[in-house]
C-alpha cells in the first residue's frame, strides 16, 4: 500500500492521540530500518516514527523465523 498525504495524517493522528495514554500495537513485515523510506514526506515520517520508536514507551520484538510462504 502506498502512503499518501491523507494516510500520513491519519496515521499520525492515531499515534499522537494515543501517545502516553493508550497502548498501540504495530506489526510490520518490513525491517524498521526501511520504515522511513516508505514515507514520501519527511515531516510526517519524522513525526510518525518518533511516536512509534520512542524508546521510553516502546517494546520491540523482532521475529526471525521461517518464511512460511517459501516452505510450500
N, C-alpha and C. Protein backbone atom coordinates (compact mmCIF):
# COMPACT_ATOMS: atom_id res chain seq x y z
N UNK A 1 0.84 -1.17 0.00
CA UNK A 1 0.00 0.00 0.00
C UNK A 1 0.89 1.23 0.00
N UNK A 2 0.62 2.13 -0.89
CA UNK A 2 1.37 3.37 -0.91
C UNK A 2 0.79 4.35 0.09
N UNK A 3 1.66 5.07 0.76
CA UNK A 3 1.21 6.08 1.71
C UNK A 3 1.07 7.42 1.00
N UNK A 4 -0.12 7.97 1.05
CA UNK A 4 -0.32 9.31 0.51
C UNK A 4 -0.53 10.27 1.68
N UNK A 5 -0.68 11.54 1.40
CA UNK A 5 -0.77 12.56 2.45
C UNK A 5 -1.91 12.29 3.43
N UNK A 6 -3.07 11.86 2.94
CA UNK A 6 -4.19 11.56 3.84
C UNK A 6 -3.85 10.41 4.79
N UNK A 7 -3.18 9.39 4.29
CA UNK A 7 -2.81 8.26 5.13
C UNK A 7 -1.76 8.67 6.16
N UNK A 8 -0.82 9.55 5.76
CA UNK A 8 0.17 10.08 6.73
C UNK A 8 -0.54 10.77 7.88
N UNK A 9 -1.45 11.64 7.51
CA UNK A 9 -2.19 12.40 8.53
C UNK A 9 -2.98 11.48 9.45
N UNK A 10 -3.66 10.50 8.86
CA UNK A 10 -4.45 9.57 9.66
C UNK A 10 -3.57 8.77 10.62
N UNK A 11 -2.45 8.27 10.12
CA UNK A 11 -1.53 7.51 10.96
C UNK A 11 -0.99 8.38 12.08
N UNK A 12 -0.56 9.59 11.75
CA UNK A 12 -0.02 10.48 12.78
C UNK A 12 -1.08 10.82 13.82
N UNK A 13 -2.30 11.08 13.38
CA UNK A 13 -3.38 11.43 14.31
C UNK A 13 -3.64 10.30 15.30
N UNK A 14 -3.68 9.06 14.81
CA UNK A 14 -3.90 7.91 15.69
C UNK A 14 -2.75 7.78 16.68
N UNK A 15 -1.52 7.83 16.19
CA UNK A 15 -0.36 7.69 17.06
C UNK A 15 -0.27 8.82 18.08
N UNK A 16 -0.52 10.03 17.63
CA UNK A 16 -0.39 11.19 18.51
C UNK A 16 -1.45 11.20 19.61
N UNK A 17 -2.68 10.84 19.27
CA UNK A 17 -3.74 10.87 20.28
C UNK A 17 -3.60 9.74 21.30
N UNK A 18 -2.93 8.66 20.93
CA UNK A 18 -2.75 7.53 21.84
C UNK A 18 -1.46 7.63 22.65
N UNK A 19 -0.52 8.44 22.20
CA UNK A 19 0.80 8.53 22.82
C UNK A 19 0.70 8.86 24.32
N UNK A 20 1.22 7.97 25.15
CA UNK A 20 1.22 8.19 26.59
C UNK A 20 -0.10 7.92 27.26
N UNK A 21 -1.14 7.57 26.50
CA UNK A 21 -2.47 7.35 27.07
C UNK A 21 -2.96 5.92 26.91
N UNK A 22 -2.72 5.36 25.75
CA UNK A 22 -3.21 4.02 25.43
C UNK A 22 -2.11 3.21 24.76
N UNK A 23 -2.20 1.91 24.90
CA UNK A 23 -1.25 1.04 24.22
C UNK A 23 -1.60 0.94 22.75
N UNK A 24 -0.59 0.81 21.93
CA UNK A 24 -0.79 0.65 20.50
C UNK A 24 0.15 -0.45 20.03
N UNK A 25 -0.37 -1.42 19.30
CA UNK A 25 0.44 -2.49 18.77
C UNK A 25 0.57 -2.28 17.27
N UNK A 26 1.79 -2.30 16.80
CA UNK A 26 2.05 -2.18 15.37
C UNK A 26 2.81 -3.40 14.89
N UNK A 27 2.43 -3.89 13.74
CA UNK A 27 3.07 -5.08 13.18
C UNK A 27 3.49 -4.75 11.76
N UNK A 28 4.71 -5.14 11.41
CA UNK A 28 5.21 -4.89 10.06
C UNK A 28 6.04 -6.07 9.59
N UNK A 29 5.95 -6.36 8.33
CA UNK A 29 6.81 -7.39 7.76
C UNK A 29 8.09 -6.77 7.19
N UNK A 30 8.21 -5.46 7.31
CA UNK A 30 9.40 -4.76 6.83
C UNK A 30 10.31 -4.43 8.01
N UNK A 31 11.62 -4.50 7.82
CA UNK A 31 12.53 -4.14 8.91
C UNK A 31 12.40 -2.66 9.26
N UNK A 32 12.58 -2.34 10.53
CA UNK A 32 12.45 -0.96 10.99
C UNK A 32 13.38 -0.02 10.25
N UNK A 33 14.50 -0.52 9.79
CA UNK A 33 15.46 0.33 9.08
C UNK A 33 14.92 0.85 7.75
N UNK A 34 13.86 0.26 7.22
CA UNK A 34 13.29 0.69 5.94
C UNK A 34 12.02 1.51 6.10
N UNK A 35 11.54 1.68 7.34
CA UNK A 35 10.26 2.38 7.54
C UNK A 35 10.31 3.81 7.03
N UNK A 36 11.39 4.52 7.26
CA UNK A 36 11.47 5.92 6.84
C UNK A 36 11.31 6.05 5.33
N UNK A 37 11.84 5.08 4.59
CA UNK A 37 11.78 5.11 3.12
C UNK A 37 10.36 4.95 2.57
N UNK A 38 9.44 4.45 3.38
CA UNK A 38 8.06 4.27 2.92
C UNK A 38 7.28 5.58 2.87
N UNK A 39 7.80 6.60 3.51
CA UNK A 39 7.14 7.90 3.55
C UNK A 39 7.75 8.81 2.49
N UNK A 40 6.90 9.41 1.67
CA UNK A 40 7.39 10.37 0.68
C UNK A 40 7.60 11.75 1.32
N UNK A 41 6.94 12.00 2.43
CA UNK A 41 7.01 13.30 3.11
C UNK A 41 7.84 13.15 4.38
N UNK A 42 9.00 13.79 4.43
CA UNK A 42 9.91 13.63 5.57
C UNK A 42 9.34 14.16 6.87
N UNK A 43 8.51 15.18 6.81
CA UNK A 43 7.93 15.75 8.03
C UNK A 43 7.04 14.73 8.72
N UNK A 44 6.14 14.10 7.97
CA UNK A 44 5.27 13.08 8.57
C UNK A 44 6.06 11.84 8.95
N UNK A 45 7.07 11.49 8.18
CA UNK A 45 7.90 10.33 8.52
C UNK A 45 8.56 10.56 9.88
N UNK A 46 9.15 11.72 10.08
CA UNK A 46 9.78 12.04 11.36
C UNK A 46 8.77 12.01 12.51
N UNK A 47 7.62 12.63 12.29
CA UNK A 47 6.61 12.71 13.35
C UNK A 47 6.08 11.32 13.71
N UNK A 48 5.73 10.53 12.73
CA UNK A 48 5.16 9.20 12.98
C UNK A 48 6.20 8.26 13.59
N UNK A 49 7.39 8.26 13.03
CA UNK A 49 8.40 7.34 13.52
C UNK A 49 8.92 7.73 14.89
N UNK A 50 8.88 9.01 15.22
CA UNK A 50 9.24 9.42 16.58
C UNK A 50 8.23 8.85 17.57
N UNK A 51 6.95 8.91 17.24
CA UNK A 51 5.92 8.32 18.11
C UNK A 51 6.10 6.81 18.23
N UNK A 52 6.39 6.15 17.13
CA UNK A 52 6.50 4.69 17.12
C UNK A 52 7.75 4.21 17.85
N UNK A 53 8.85 4.90 17.66
CA UNK A 53 10.13 4.40 18.16
C UNK A 53 10.60 5.09 19.43
N UNK A 54 9.72 5.78 20.13
CA UNK A 54 10.08 6.42 21.38
C UNK A 54 10.55 5.34 22.35
N UNK A 55 11.83 5.31 22.62
CA UNK A 55 12.44 4.24 23.40
C UNK A 55 11.88 4.10 24.82
N UNK A 56 11.37 5.17 25.39
CA UNK A 56 10.87 5.10 26.75
C UNK A 56 9.52 4.41 26.85
N UNK A 57 8.81 4.32 25.74
CA UNK A 57 7.45 3.76 25.78
C UNK A 57 7.29 2.59 24.82
N UNK A 58 8.39 2.05 24.33
CA UNK A 58 8.29 1.06 23.28
C UNK A 58 8.93 -0.26 23.69
N UNK A 59 8.33 -1.33 23.27
CA UNK A 59 8.91 -2.66 23.41
C UNK A 59 8.91 -3.26 22.01
N UNK A 60 10.07 -3.57 21.50
CA UNK A 60 10.18 -4.06 20.13
C UNK A 60 10.62 -5.51 20.13
N UNK A 61 9.85 -6.34 19.45
CA UNK A 61 10.17 -7.74 19.28
C UNK A 61 10.46 -7.99 17.81
N UNK A 62 11.61 -8.54 17.52
CA UNK A 62 11.95 -8.84 16.13
C UNK A 62 11.96 -10.35 15.96
N UNK A 63 11.09 -10.83 15.11
CA UNK A 63 10.96 -12.26 14.88
C UNK A 63 11.74 -12.64 13.63
N UNK A 64 12.57 -13.63 13.76
CA UNK A 64 13.40 -14.08 12.63
C UNK A 64 13.14 -15.55 12.36
N UNK A 65 11.88 -15.91 12.20
CA UNK A 65 11.51 -17.30 11.97
C UNK A 65 11.54 -17.67 10.50
N UNK A 66 11.05 -18.84 10.25
CA UNK A 66 10.99 -19.38 8.89
C UNK A 66 9.91 -18.65 8.11
N UNK A 67 10.20 -18.30 6.86
CA UNK A 67 9.21 -17.69 5.98
C UNK A 67 8.31 -18.82 5.48
N UNK A 68 7.08 -18.87 6.01
CA UNK A 68 6.17 -19.95 5.68
C UNK A 68 5.74 -19.95 4.21
N UNK A 69 5.84 -18.81 3.55
CA UNK A 69 5.48 -18.75 2.13
C UNK A 69 6.51 -19.50 1.28
N UNK A 70 7.74 -19.57 1.75
CA UNK A 70 8.80 -20.24 0.98
C UNK A 70 8.84 -21.73 1.24
N UNK A 71 8.13 -22.24 2.24
CA UNK A 71 8.18 -23.66 2.57
C UNK A 71 7.18 -24.49 1.78
N UNK A 72 6.26 -23.86 1.10
CA UNK A 72 5.23 -24.62 0.34
C UNK A 72 5.73 -25.02 -1.00
